[in-house]
Amino acid sequence: MAVAENYPQLVSSQPYKVLVERIAKAEDQIYDKRVEYNNSVNVYNTRLSTFPANLIGRVMYFRLQPYFSWDDKPEWVFEGENQKTKNLKLKTKNHN
């Protein structure tokens, strides 16, 4: 969107304004769901770390779950000189 600042006609167009509004709304929804997920993980991990759930969890192979972090987001990598969607690959970090 920083590139759009160089194009005042684009920025002032209604479709662009709608797009920016939708992106902002999607980012807000993602943030809300991330907070909700991390709260659930906190409750789960706390319960799993206390007696007697820790004993039962160990027997049932329950494991502590990671919090969602922006540091773990996937990176999009483009390959090839003709960068079309068929060349788009998702690169993720290996977490063991």
PDB file of N, CA and C in Angstrom:
ATOM      1  N   MET A   1       0.808  -1.186   0.000  1.00  0.00           N
ATOM      2  CA  MET A   1       0.000   0.000   0.000  1.00  0.00           C
ATOM      3  C   MET A   1       0.858   1.259   0.000  1.00  0.00           C
ATOM      4  N   ALA A   2       2.110   1.116   0.384  1.00  0.00           N
ATOM      5  CA  ALA A   2       3.000   2.269   0.356  1.00  0.00           C
ATOM      6  C   ALA A   2       3.218   2.732  -1.074  1.00  0.00           C
ATOM      7  N   VAL A   3       3.189   1.814  -2.017  1.00  0.00           N
ATOM      8  CA  VAL A   3       3.353   2.162  -3.424  1.00  0.00           C
ATOM      9  C   VAL A   3       2.168   2.991  -3.903  1.00  0.00           C
ATOM     10  N   ALA A   4       0.991   2.722  -3.371  1.00  0.00           N
ATOM     11  CA  ALA A   4      -0.219   3.425  -3.785  1.00  0.00           C
ATOM     12  C   ALA A   4      -0.136   4.917  -3.500  1.00  0.00           C
ATOM     13  N   GLU A   5       0.643   5.315  -2.520  1.00  0.00           N
ATOM     14  CA  GLU A   5       0.772   6.737  -2.195  1.00  0.00           C
ATOM     15  C   GLU A   5       1.340   7.527  -3.366  1.00  0.00           C
ATOM     16  N   ASN A   6       2.063   6.866  -4.242  1.00  0.00           N
ATOM     17  CA  ASN A   6       2.622   7.525  -5.426  1.00  0.00           C
ATOM     18  C   ASN A   6       1.583   7.712  -6.530  1.00  0.00           C
ATOM     19  N   TYR A   7       0.396   7.168  -6.340  1.00  0.00           N
ATOM     20  CA  TYR A   7      -0.668   7.238  -7.339  1.00  0.00           C
ATOM     21  C   TYR A   7      -1.921   7.829  -6.702  1.00  0.00           C
ATOM     22  N   PRO A   8      -2.039   9.149  -6.645  1.00  0.00           N
ATOM     23  CA  PRO A   8      -3.171   9.797  -5.978  1.00  0.00           C
ATOM     24  C   PRO A   8      -4.525   9.413  -6.573  1.00  0.00           C
ATOM     25  N   GLN A   9      -4.576   9.162  -7.878  1.00  0.00           N
ATOM     26  CA  GLN A   9      -5.849   8.765  -8.482  1.00  0.00           C
ATOM     27  C   GLN A   9      -6.296   7.411  -7.951  1.00  0.00           C
ATOM     28  N   LEU A  10      -5.348   6.528  -7.764  1.00  0.00           N
ATOM     29  CA  LEU A  10      -5.672   5.211  -7.216  1.00  0.00           C
ATOM     30  C   LEU A  10      -6.190   5.337  -5.791  1.00  0.00           C
ATOM     31  N   VAL A  11      -5.491   6.106  -4.981  1.00  0.00           N
ATOM     32  CA  VAL A  11      -5.862   6.262  -3.573  1.00  0.00           C
ATOM     33  C   VAL A  11      -7.243   6.882  -3.434  1.00  0.00           C
ATOM     34  N   SER A  12      -7.607   7.771  -4.343  1.00  0.00           N
ATOM     35  CA  SER A  12      -8.904   8.443  -4.235  1.00  0.00           C
ATOM     36  C   SER A  12     -10.043   7.646  -4.861  1.00  0.00           C
ATOM     37  N   SER A  13      -9.739   6.537  -5.533  1.00  0.00           N
ATOM     38  CA  SER A  13     -10.797   5.752  -6.179  1.00  0.00           C
ATOM     39  C   SER A  13     -11.579   4.933  -5.153  1.00  0.00           C
ATOM     40  N   GLN A  14     -12.853   4.763  -5.421  1.00  0.00           N
ATOM     41  CA  GLN A  14     -13.736   4.026  -4.509  1.00  0.00           C
ATOM     42  C   GLN A  14     -13.326   2.560  -4.355  1.00  0.00           C
ATOM     43  N   PRO A  15     -12.985   1.839  -5.437  1.00  0.00           N
ATOM     44  CA  PRO A  15     -12.569   0.437  -5.253  1.00  0.00           C
ATOM     45  C   PRO A  15     -11.351   0.298  -4.343  1.00  0.00           C
ATOM     46  N   TYR A  16     -10.412   1.225  -4.450  1.00  0.00           N
ATOM     47  CA  TYR A  16      -9.232   1.171  -3.586  1.00  0.00           C
ATOM     48  C   TYR A  16      -9.625   1.394  -2.129  1.00  0.00           C
ATOM     49  N   LYS A  17     -10.507   2.355  -1.891  1.00  0.00           N
ATOM     50  CA  LYS A  17     -10.963   2.633  -0.522  1.00  0.00           C
ATOM     51  C   LYS A  17     -11.670   1.415   0.069  1.00  0.00           C
ATOM     52  N   VAL A  18     -12.487   0.753  -0.749  1.00  0.00           N
ATOM     53  CA  VAL A  18     -13.185  -0.454  -0.292  1.00  0.00           C
ATOM     54  C   VAL A  18     -12.172  -1.551   0.023  1.00  0.00           C
ATOM     55  N   LEU A  19     -11.170  -1.707  -0.833  1.00  0.00           N
ATOM     56  CA  LEU A  19     -10.134  -2.714  -0.609  1.00  0.00           C
ATOM     57  C   LEU A  19      -9.395  -2.456   0.697  1.00  0.00           C
ATOM     58  N   VAL A  20      -8.987  -1.220   0.925  1.00  0.00           N
ATOM     59  CA  VAL A  20      -8.268  -0.872   2.151  1.00  0.00           C
ATOM     60  C   VAL A  20      -9.140  -1.135   3.377  1.00  0.00           C
ATOM     61  N   GLU A  21     -10.420  -0.803   3.273  1.00  0.00           N
ATOM     62  CA  GLU A  21     -11.347  -1.038   4.383  1.00  0.00           C
ATOM     63  C   GLU A  21     -11.491  -2.535   4.664  1.00  0.00           C
ATOM     64  N   ARG A  22     -11.592  -3.334   3.618  1.00  0.00           N
ATOM     65  CA  ARG A  22     -11.720  -4.785   3.796  1.00  0.00           C
ATOM     66  C   ARG A  22     -10.449  -5.389   4.386  1.00  0.00           C
ATOM     67  N   ILE A  23      -9.306  -4.902   3.939  1.00  0.00           N
ATOM     68  CA  ILE A  23      -8.039  -5.396   4.491  1.00  0.00           C
ATOM     69  C   ILE A  23      -7.945  -5.053   5.966  1.00  0.00           C
ATOM     70  N   ALA A  24      -8.322  -3.835   6.337  1.00  0.00           N
ATOM     71  CA  ALA A  24      -8.291  -3.426   7.746  1.00  0.00           C
ATOM     72  C   ALA A  24      -9.232  -4.286   8.579  1.00  0.00           C
ATOM     73  N   LYS A  25     -10.408  -4.575   8.031  1.00  0.00           N
ATOM     74  CA  LYS A  25     -11.373  -5.411   8.748  1.00  0.00           C
ATOM     75  C   LYS A  25     -10.831  -6.836   8.918  1.00  0.00           C
ATOM     76  N   ALA A  26     -10.202  -7.366   7.866  1.00  0.00           N
ATOM     77  CA  ALA A  26      -9.618  -8.712   7.944  1.00  0.00           C
ATOM     78  C   ALA A  26      -8.492  -8.753   8.968  1.00  0.00           C
ATOM     79  N   GLU A  27      -7.657  -7.718   8.997  1.00  0.00           N
ATOM     80  CA  GLU A  27      -6.572  -7.663   9.981  1.00  0.00           C
ATOM     81  C   GLU A  27      -7.124  -7.604  11.402  1.00  0.00           C
ATOM     82  N   ASP A  28      -8.207  -6.862  11.602  1.00  0.00           N
ATOM     83  CA  ASP A  28      -8.839  -6.805  12.924  1.00  0.00           C
ATOM     84  C   ASP A  28      -9.378  -8.173  13.335  1.00  0.00           C
ATOM     85  N   GLN A  29     -10.004  -8.877  12.384  1.00  0.00           N
ATOM     86  CA  GLN A  29     -10.534 -10.206  12.680  1.00  0.00           C
ATOM     87  C   GLN A  29      -9.410 -11.178  13.001  1.00  0.00           C
ATOM     88  N   ILE A  30      -8.317 -11.098  12.269  1.00  0.00           N
ATOM     89  CA  ILE A  30      -7.166 -11.962  12.538  1.00  0.00           C
ATOM     90  C   ILE A  30      -6.616 -11.677  13.923  1.00  0.00           C
ATOM     91  N   TYR A  31      -6.494 -10.405  14.268  1.00  0.00           N
ATOM     92  CA  TYR A  31      -6.001 -10.029  15.597  1.00  0.00           C
ATOM     93  C   TYR A  31      -6.918 -10.582  16.688  1.00  0.00           C
ATOM     94  N   ASP A  32      -8.236 -10.403  16.507  1.00  0.00           N
ATOM     95  CA  ASP A  32      -9.191 -10.896  17.505  1.00  0.00           C
ATOM     96  C   ASP A  32      -9.086 -12.410  17.675  1.00  0.00           C
ATOM     97  N   LYS A  33      -8.970 -13.132  16.579  1.00  0.00           N
ATOM     98  CA  LYS A  33      -8.866 -14.595  16.646  1.00  0.00           C
ATOM     99  C   LYS A  33      -7.538 -15.029  17.251  1.00  0.00           C
ATOM    100  N   ARG A  34      -6.484 -14.269  16.988  1.00  0.00           N
ATOM    101  CA  ARG A  34      -5.181 -14.584  17.587  1.00  0.00           C
ATOM    102  C   ARG A  34      -5.254 -14.430  19.100  1.00  0.00           C
ATOM    103  N   VAL A  35      -5.885 -13.365  19.562  1.00  0.00           N
ATOM    104  CA  VAL A  35      -6.051 -13.153  21.004  1.00  0.00           C
ATOM    105  C   VAL A  35      -6.902 -14.268  21.600  1.00  0.00           C
ATOM    106  N   GLU A  36      -7.989 -14.625  20.924  1.00  0.00           N
ATOM    107  CA  GLU A  36      -8.866 -15.698  21.396  1.00  0.00           C
ATOM    108  C   GLU A  36      -8.112 -17.026  21.465  1.00  0.00           C
ATOM    109  N   TYR A  37      -7.338 -17.339  20.434  1.00  0.00           N
ATOM    110  CA  TYR A  37      -6.556 -18.574  20.409  1.00  0.00           C
ATOM    111  C   TYR A  37      -5.537 -18.587  21.546  1.00  0.00           C
ATOM    112  N   ASN A  38      -4.793 -17.493  21.704  1.00  0.00           N
ATOM    113  CA  ASN A  38      -3.773 -17.439  22.754  1.00  0.00           C
ATOM    114  C   ASN A  38      -4.387 -17.539  24.142  1.00  0.00           C
ATOM    115  N   ASN A  39      -5.574 -16.980  24.340  1.00  0.00           N
ATOM    116  CA  ASN A  39      -6.266 -17.139  25.624  1.00  0.00           C
ATOM    117  C   ASN A  39      -6.638 -18.600  25.862  1.00  0.00           C
ATOM    118  N   SER A  40      -7.118 -19.266  24.821  1.00  0.00           N
ATOM    119  CA  SER A  40      -7.465 -20.686  24.943  1.00  0.00           C
ATOM    120  C   SER A  40      -6.229 -21.533  25.224  1.00  0.00           C
ATOM    121  N   VAL A  41      -5.128 -21.232  24.559  1.00  0.00           N
ATOM    122  CA  VAL A  41      -3.876 -21.952  24.798  1.00  0.00           C
ATOM    123  C   VAL A  41      -3.415 -21.728  26.231  1.00  0.00           C
ATOM    124  N   ASN A  42      -3.565 -20.522  26.731  1.00  0.00           N
ATOM    125  CA  ASN A  42      -3.174 -20.219  28.105  1.00  0.00           C
ATOM    126  C   ASN A  42      -3.975 -21.057  29.102  1.00  0.00           C
ATOM    127  N   VAL A  43      -5.288 -21.130  28.907  1.00  0.00           N
ATOM    128  CA  VAL A  43      -6.139 -21.937  29.791  1.00  0.00           C
ATOM    129  C   VAL A  43      -5.754 -23.410  29.688  1.00  0.00           C
ATOM    130  N   TYR A  44      -5.600 -23.914  28.466  1.00  0.00           N
ATOM    131  CA  TYR A  44      -5.243 -25.315  28.240  1.00  0.00           C
ATOM    132  C   TYR A  44      -3.905 -25.650  28.893  1.00  0.00           C
ATOM    133  N   ASN A  45      -2.879 -24.842  28.631  1.00  0.00           N
ATOM    134  CA  ASN A  45      -1.548 -25.107  29.180  1.00  0.00           C
ATOM    135  C   ASN A  45      -1.538 -25.022  30.699  1.00  0.00           C
ATOM    136  N   THR A  46      -2.292 -24.083  31.258  1.00  0.00           N
ATOM    137  CA  THR A  46      -2.366 -23.953  32.715  1.00  0.00           C
ATOM    138  C   THR A  46      -3.013 -25.184  33.327  1.00  0.00           C
ATOM    139  N   ARG A  47      -4.124 -25.613  32.745  1.00  0.00           N
ATOM    140  CA  ARG A  47      -4.799 -26.817  33.261  1.00  0.00           C
ATOM    141  C   ARG A  47      -3.915 -28.045  33.118  1.00  0.00           C
ATOM    142  N   LEU A  48      -3.232 -28.144  31.997  1.00  0.00           N
ATOM    143  CA  LEU A  48      -2.380 -29.306  31.745  1.00  0.00           C
ATOM    144  C   LEU A  48      -1.164 -29.318  32.665  1.00  0.00           C
ATOM    145  N   SER A  49      -0.823 -28.193  33.221  1.00  0.00           N
ATOM    146  CA  SER A  49       0.357 -28.089  34.086  1.00  0.00           C
ATOM    147  C   SER A  49       0.037 -28.275  35.562  1.00  0.00           C
ATOM    148  N   THR A  50      -1.234 -28.453  35.896  1.00  0.00           N
ATOM    149  CA  THR A  50      -1.618 -28.578  37.307  1.00  0.00           C
ATOM    150  C   THR A  50      -2.147 -29.975  37.598  1.00  0.00           C
ATOM    151  N   PHE A  51      -2.063 -30.349  38.844  1.00  0.00           N
ATOM    152  CA  PHE A  51      -2.537 -31.653  39.303  1.00  0.00           C
ATOM    153  C   PHE A  51      -4.056 -31.656  39.327  1.00  0.00           C
ATOM    154  N   PRO A  52      -4.718 -32.707  38.934  1.00  0.00           N
ATOM    155  CA  PRO A  52      -4.284 -34.004  38.432  1.00  0.00           C
ATOM    156  C   PRO A  52      -4.188 -34.065  36.910  1.00  0.00           C
ATOM    157  N   ALA A  53      -4.520 -32.967  36.245  1.00  0.00           N
ATOM    158  CA  ALA A  53      -4.516 -32.983  34.778  1.00  0.00           C
ATOM    159  C   ALA A  53      -3.134 -33.286  34.217  1.00  0.00           C
ATOM    160  N   ASN A  54      -2.080 -32.898  34.941  1.00  0.00           N
ATOM    161  CA  ASN A  54      -0.733 -33.172  34.433  1.00  0.00           C
ATOM    162  C   ASN A  54      -0.466 -34.674  34.370  1.00  0.00           C
ATOM    163  N   LEU A  55      -0.974 -35.436  35.326  1.00  0.00           N
ATOM    164  CA  LEU A  55      -0.793 -36.893  35.301  1.00  0.00           C
ATOM    165  C   LEU A  55      -1.602 -37.528  34.173  1.00  0.00           C
ATOM    166  N   ILE A  56      -2.848 -37.110  34.067  1.00  0.00           N
ATOM    167  CA  ILE A  56      -3.720 -37.652  33.021  1.00  0.00           C
ATOM    168  C   ILE A  56      -3.194 -37.247  31.644  1.00  0.00           C
ATOM    169  N   GLY A  57      -2.774 -36.004  31.527  1.00  0.00           N
ATOM    170  CA  GLY A  57      -2.244 -35.516  30.253  1.00  0.00           C
ATOM    171  C   GLY A  57      -1.011 -36.267  29.809  1.00  0.00           C
ATOM    172  N   ARG A  58      -0.150 -36.610  30.752  1.00  0.00           N
ATOM    173  CA  ARG A  58       1.062 -37.353  30.420  1.00  0.00           C
ATOM    174  C   ARG A  58       0.703 -38.733  29.877  1.00  0.00           C
ATOM    175  N   VAL A  59      -0.263 -39.393  30.511  1.00  0.00           N
ATOM    176  CA  VAL A  59      -0.698 -40.726  30.077  1.00  0.00           C
ATOM    177  C   VAL A  59      -1.357 -40.652  28.695  1.00  0.00           C
ATOM    178  N   MET A  60      -2.104 -39.585  28.454  1.00  0.00           N
ATOM    179  CA  MET A  60      -2.837 -39.436  27.191  1.00  0.00           C
ATOM    180  C   MET A  60      -2.002 -38.738  26.105  1.00  0.00           C
ATOM    181  N   TYR A  61      -0.722 -38.458  26.397  1.00  0.00           N
ATOM    182  CA  TYR A  61       0.195 -37.806  25.455  1.00  0.00           C
ATOM    183  C   TYR A  61      -0.248 -36.391  25.061  1.00  0.00           C
ATOM    184  N   PHE A  62      -0.924 -35.695  25.972  1.00  0.00           N
ATOM    185  CA  PHE A  62      -1.255 -34.291  25.732  1.00  0.00           C
ATOM    186  C   PHE A  62       0.008 -33.473  25.917  1.00  0.00           C
ATOM    187  N   ARG A  63       0.210 -32.504  25.087  1.00  0.00           N
ATOM    188  CA  ARG A  63       1.402 -31.668  25.150  1.00  0.00           C
ATOM    189  C   ARG A  63       1.007 -30.199  25.255  1.00  0.00           C
ATOM    190  N   LEU A  64       1.887 -29.429  25.874  1.00  0.00           N
ATOM    191  CA  LEU A  64       1.674 -27.990  25.920  1.00  0.00           C
ATOM    192  C   LEU A  64       1.670 -27.454  24.492  1.00  0.00           C
ATOM    193  N   GLN A  65       0.809 -26.509  24.238  1.00  0.00           N
ATOM    194  CA  GLN A  65       0.665 -25.961  22.893  1.00  0.00           C
ATOM    195  C   GLN A  65       1.331 -24.591  22.787  1.00  0.00           C
ATOM    196  N   PRO A  66       1.861 -24.269  21.622  1.00  0.00           N
ATOM    197  CA  PRO A  66       2.530 -22.971  21.446  1.00  0.00           C
ATOM    198  C   PRO A  66       1.514 -21.850  21.251  1.00  0.00           C
ATOM    199  N   TYR A  67       1.905 -20.672  21.646  1.00  0.00           N
ATOM    200  CA  TYR A  67       1.097 -19.489  21.382  1.00  0.00           C
ATOM    201  C   TYR A  67       1.307 -19.076  19.933  1.00  0.00           C
ATOM    202  N   PHE A  68       0.293 -18.445  19.373  1.00  0.00           N
ATOM    203  CA  PHE A  68       0.432 -17.926  18.020  1.00  0.00           C
ATOM    204  C   PHE A  68       1.289 -16.676  18.089  1.00  0.00           C
ATOM    205  N   SER A  69       2.283 -16.620  17.223  1.00  0.00           N
ATOM    206  CA  SER A  69       3.192 -15.485  17.202  1.00  0.00           C
ATOM    207  C   SER A  69       3.417 -15.063  15.763  1.00  0.00           C
ATOM    208  N   TRP A  70       3.504 -13.775  15.528  1.00  0.00           N
ATOM    209  CA  TRP A  70       3.777 -13.288  14.180  1.00  0.00           C
ATOM    210  C   TRP A  70       5.160 -13.696  13.716  1.00  0.00           C
ATOM    211  N   ASP A  71       6.053 -14.051  14.646  1.00  0.00           N
ATOM    212  CA  ASP A  71       7.391 -14.493  14.266  1.00  0.00           C
ATOM    213  C   ASP A  71       7.341 -15.805  13.492  1.00  0.00           C
ATOM    214  N   ASP A  72       6.258 -16.575  13.670  1.00  0.00           N
ATOM    215  CA  ASP A  72       6.136 -17.883  13.036  1.00  0.00           C
ATOM    216  C   ASP A  72       5.348 -17.842  11.734  1.00  0.00           C
ATOM    217  N   LYS A  73       4.991 -16.653  11.268  1.00  0.00           N
ATOM    218  CA  LYS A  73       4.172 -16.594  10.057  1.00  0.00           C
ATOM    219  C   LYS A  73       4.978 -17.083   8.859  1.00  0.00           C
ATOM    220  N   PRO A  74       4.320 -17.727   7.908  1.00  0.00           N
ATOM    221  CA  PRO A  74       5.021 -18.233   6.734  1.00  0.00           C
ATOM    222  C   PRO A  74       5.498 -17.087   5.851  1.00  0.00           C
ATOM    223  N   GLU A  75       6.525 -17.358   5.097  1.00  0.00           N
ATOM    224  CA  GLU A  75       7.053 -16.377   4.160  1.00  0.00           C
ATOM    225  C   GLU A  75       6.755 -16.863   2.746  1.00  0.00           C
ATOM    226  N   TRP A  76       6.268 -15.961   1.913  1.00  0.00           N
ATOM    227  CA  TRP A  76       6.006 -16.315   0.522  1.00  0.00           C
ATOM    228  C   TRP A  76       7.271 -16.095  -0.284  1.00  0.00           C
ATOM    229  N   VAL A  77       7.620 -17.104  -1.062  1.00  0.00           N
ATOM    230  CA  VAL A  77       8.829 -17.039  -1.876  1.00  0.00           C
ATOM    231  C   VAL A  77       8.429 -17.207  -3.337  1.00  0.00           C
ATOM    232  N   PHE A  78       8.889 -16.302  -4.175  1.00  0.00           N
ATOM    233  CA  PHE A  78       8.620 -16.401  -5.605  1.00  0.00           C
ATOM    234  C   PHE A  78       9.836 -17.009  -6.283  1.00  0.00           C
ATOM    235  N   GLU A  79       9.583 -17.972  -7.169  1.00  0.00           N
ATOM    236  CA  GLU A  79      10.671 -18.609  -7.892  1.00  0.00           C
ATOM    237  C   GLU A  79      10.423 -18.487  -9.383  1.00  0.00           C
ATOM    238  N   GLY A  80      11.485 -18.383 -10.135  1.00  0.00           N
ATOM    239  CA  GLY A  80      11.372 -18.305 -11.586  1.00  0.00           C
ATOM    240  C   GLY A  80      11.277 -16.867 -12.054  1.00  0.00           C
ATOM    241  N   GLU A  81      11.573 -16.668 -13.333  1.00  0.00           N
ATOM    242  CA  GLU A  81      11.552 -15.306 -13.843  1.00  0.00           C
ATOM    243  C   GLU A  81      10.139 -14.834 -14.138  1.00  0.00           C
ATOM    244  N   ASN A  82       9.218 -15.735 -14.439  1.00  0.00           N
ATOM    245  CA  ASN A  82       7.829 -15.366 -14.684  1.00  0.00           C
ATOM    246  C   ASN A  82       7.047 -15.642 -13.406  1.00  0.00           C
ATOM    247  N   GLN A  83       6.936 -14.650 -12.550  1.00  0.00           N
ATOM    248  CA  GLN A  83       6.407 -14.855 -11.201  1.00  0.00           C
ATOM    249  C   GLN A  83       4.880 -14.894 -11.197  1.00  0.00           C
ATOM    250  N   LYS A  84       4.331 -15.989 -11.655  1.00  0.00           N
ATOM    251  CA  LYS A  84       2.885 -16.186 -11.623  1.00  0.00           C
ATOM    252  C   LYS A  84       2.550 -17.056 -10.424  1.00  0.00           C
ATOM    253  N   THR A  85       1.251 -17.216 -10.164  1.00  0.00           N
ATOM    254  CA  THR A  85       0.836 -17.963  -8.978  1.00  0.00           C
ATOM    255  C   THR A  85       1.295 -19.407  -8.998  1.00  0.00           C
ATOM    256  N   LYS A  86       1.527 -19.988 -10.174  1.00  0.00           N
ATOM    257  CA  LYS A  86       1.994 -21.375 -10.203  1.00  0.00           C
ATOM    258  C   LYS A  86       3.402 -21.500  -9.630  1.00  0.00           C
ATOM    259  N   ASN A  87       4.143 -20.395  -9.611  1.00  0.00           N
ATOM    260  CA  ASN A  87       5.496 -20.404  -9.074  1.00  0.00           C
ATOM    261  C   ASN A  87       5.547 -19.978  -7.610  1.00  0.00           C
ATOM    262  N   LEU A  88       4.403 -19.699  -7.038  1.00  0.00           N
ATOM    263  CA  LEU A  88       4.339 -19.228  -5.663  1.00  0.00           C
ATOM    264  C   LEU A  88       4.442 -20.417  -4.725  1.00  0.00           C
ATOM    265  N   LYS A  89       5.398 -20.372  -3.812  1.00  0.00           N
ATOM    266  CA  LYS A  89       5.591 -21.474  -2.875  1.00  0.00           C
ATOM    267  C   LYS A  89       5.574 -20.936  -1.460  1.00  0.00           C
ATOM    268  N   LEU A  90       5.036 -21.728  -0.577  1.00  0.00           N
ATOM    269  CA  LEU A  90       4.976 -21.348   0.827  1.00  0.00           C
ATOM    270  C   LEU A  90       6.182 -21.923   1.540  1.00  0.00           C
ATOM    271  N   LYS A  91       6.916 -21.068   2.206  1.00  0.00           N
ATOM    272  CA  LYS A  91       8.101 -21.486   2.941  1.00  0.00           C
ATOM    273  C   LYS A  91       7.792 -21.311   4.420  1.00  0.00           C
ATOM    274  N   THR A  92       7.877 -22.390   5.165  1.00  0.00           N
ATOM    275  CA  THR A  92       7.614 -22.306   6.595  1.00  0.00           C
ATOM    276  C   THR A  92       8.847 -22.707   7.368  1.00  0.00           C
ATOM    277  N   LYS A  93       8.889 -22.253   8.592  1.00  0.00           N
ATOM    278  CA  LYS A  93       9.993 -22.621   9.469  1.00  0.00           C
ATOM    279  C   LYS A  93       9.746 -24.017  10.006  1.00  0.00           C
ATOM    280  N   ASN A  94      10.790 -24.777  10.175  1.00  0.00           N
ATOM    281  CA  ASN A  94      10.680 -26.139  10.679  1.00  0.00           C
ATOM    282  C   ASN A  94      10.671 -26.104  12.199  1.00  0.00           C
ATOM    283  N   HIS A  95       9.544 -26.493  12.794  1.00  0.00           N
ATOM    284  CA  HIS A  95       9.414 -26.527  14.255  1.00  0.00           C
ATOM    285  C   HIS A  95       9.319 -27.972  14.709  1.00  0.00           C
ATOM    286  N   ASN A  96      10.251 -28.411  15.526  1.00  0.00           N
ATOM    287  CA  ASN A  96      10.232 -29.791  16.033  1.00  0.00           C
ATOM    288  C   ASN A  96       9.830 -29.840  17.462  1.00  0.00           C
TER     289      ASN A  96
END
